[in-house]
Protein backbone atom coordinates (compact mmCIF):
# COMPACT_ATOMS: atom_id res chain seq x y z
CA UNK A 1 25.59 103.38 -5.33
CA UNK A 2 23.03 106.04 -6.38
CA UNK A 3 24.71 107.56 -9.85
CA UNK A 4 24.37 111.30 -8.83
CA UNK A 5 26.72 110.11 -6.19
CA UNK A 6 28.71 108.10 -8.94
CA UNK A 7 29.21 111.01 -11.16
CA UNK A 8 31.43 112.38 -8.28
CA UNK A 9 33.71 110.12 -8.15
CA UNK A 10 36.52 109.30 -11.31
CA UNK A 11 38.78 106.57 -12.01
CA UNK A 12 41.90 107.66 -14.69
CA UNK A 13 44.96 105.65 -15.16
CA UNK A 14 46.50 109.69 -15.59
CA UNK A 15 44.91 110.48 -12.17
CA UNK A 16 46.97 109.64 -8.77
CA UNK A 17 47.85 105.89 -10.46
CA UNK A 18 44.33 104.76 -11.39
CA UNK A 19 42.96 105.36 -7.65
CA UNK A 20 39.74 106.57 -6.96
CA UNK A 21 39.24 110.31 -7.11
CA UNK A 22 36.78 113.42 -6.61
CA UNK A 23 35.77 113.98 -10.24
CA UNK A 24 37.73 117.32 -10.90
CA UNK A 25 40.19 117.12 -8.11
CA UNK A 26 43.06 114.81 -7.10
CA UNK A 27 41.48 114.12 -3.99
CA UNK A 28 41.74 110.51 -2.74
CA UNK A 29 38.43 108.47 -1.92
CA UNK A 30 40.15 106.84 0.05
CA UNK A 31 41.77 109.83 2.05
CA UNK A 32 38.24 111.20 2.58
CA UNK A 33 37.69 108.05 4.12
CA UNK A 34 40.35 107.95 6.46
CA UNK A 35 40.34 111.51 7.76
CA UNK A 36 36.33 110.65 8.27
CA UNK A 37 37.98 107.59 10.49
CA UNK A 38 39.92 109.53 12.42
CA UNK A 39 37.37 112.29 13.58
CA UNK A 40 37.22 114.88 11.33
CA UNK A 41 34.03 116.60 10.48
CA UNK A 42 32.79 116.78 6.93
CA UNK A 43 33.26 120.75 7.30
CA UNK A 44 36.89 119.95 8.16
CA UNK A 45 37.53 118.37 5.21
CA UNK A 46 36.40 120.64 3.06
CA UNK A 47 37.83 123.89 5.04
CA UNK A 48 40.60 121.78 4.29
CA UNK A 49 40.01 120.69 0.50
CA UNK A 50 37.86 124.30 -0.69
CA UNK A 51 37.26 122.64 -3.88
CA UNK A 52 34.84 119.91 -1.91
CA UNK A 53 31.04 119.77 -1.38
CA UNK A 54 29.20 118.22 1.50
CA UNK A 55 28.17 115.93 -1.80
CA UNK A 56 31.71 115.10 -2.73
CA UNK A 57 32.66 113.76 0.96
CA UNK A 58 29.35 111.62 0.81
CA UNK A 59 29.74 109.81 -2.67
CA UNK A 60 33.39 109.28 -0.85
CA UNK A 61 31.44 107.48 1.78
CA UNK A 62 29.05 105.57 -0.74
CA UNK A 63 31.90 104.40 -2.71
CA UNK A 64 33.92 102.59 -0.05
CA UNK A 65 30.91 101.52 1.50
CA UNK A 66 29.96 99.86 -2.71
CA UNK A 67 33.42 98.68 -2.66
CA UNK A 68 33.04 97.19 0.55
CA UNK A 69 29.90 95.08 -0.28
CA UNK A 70 31.37 93.34 -2.81
CA UNK A 71 34.15 91.96 -1.50
CA UNK A 72 34.00 87.73 -1.38
CA UNK A 73 35.58 86.73 2.32
CA UNK A 74 36.49 83.18 2.67
CA UNK A 75 36.44 81.83 6.53
CA UNK A 76 39.18 80.36 7.60
CA UNK A 77 38.67 76.75 8.43
CA UNK A 78 40.53 75.54 11.50
CA UNK A 79 42.52 71.78 10.53
CA UNK A 80 41.07 69.43 13.04
């Protein structure tokens, strides 16, 4: 993940129970990703959360991609 984008993400036990959020806000990364998945545009998200910038939305996507890229997947083997 690009360092510029990484700096926009914050994880702290005292903020949103340790969820990844956009730095300086209480807007969780997963909320942004979920909104995009449901068809919201970057502009609609920024209208809903006026403190956000385009780079924050992109940082949320980059963070999600980074987390998923490190996910371990173990295929199930069918018995027999």
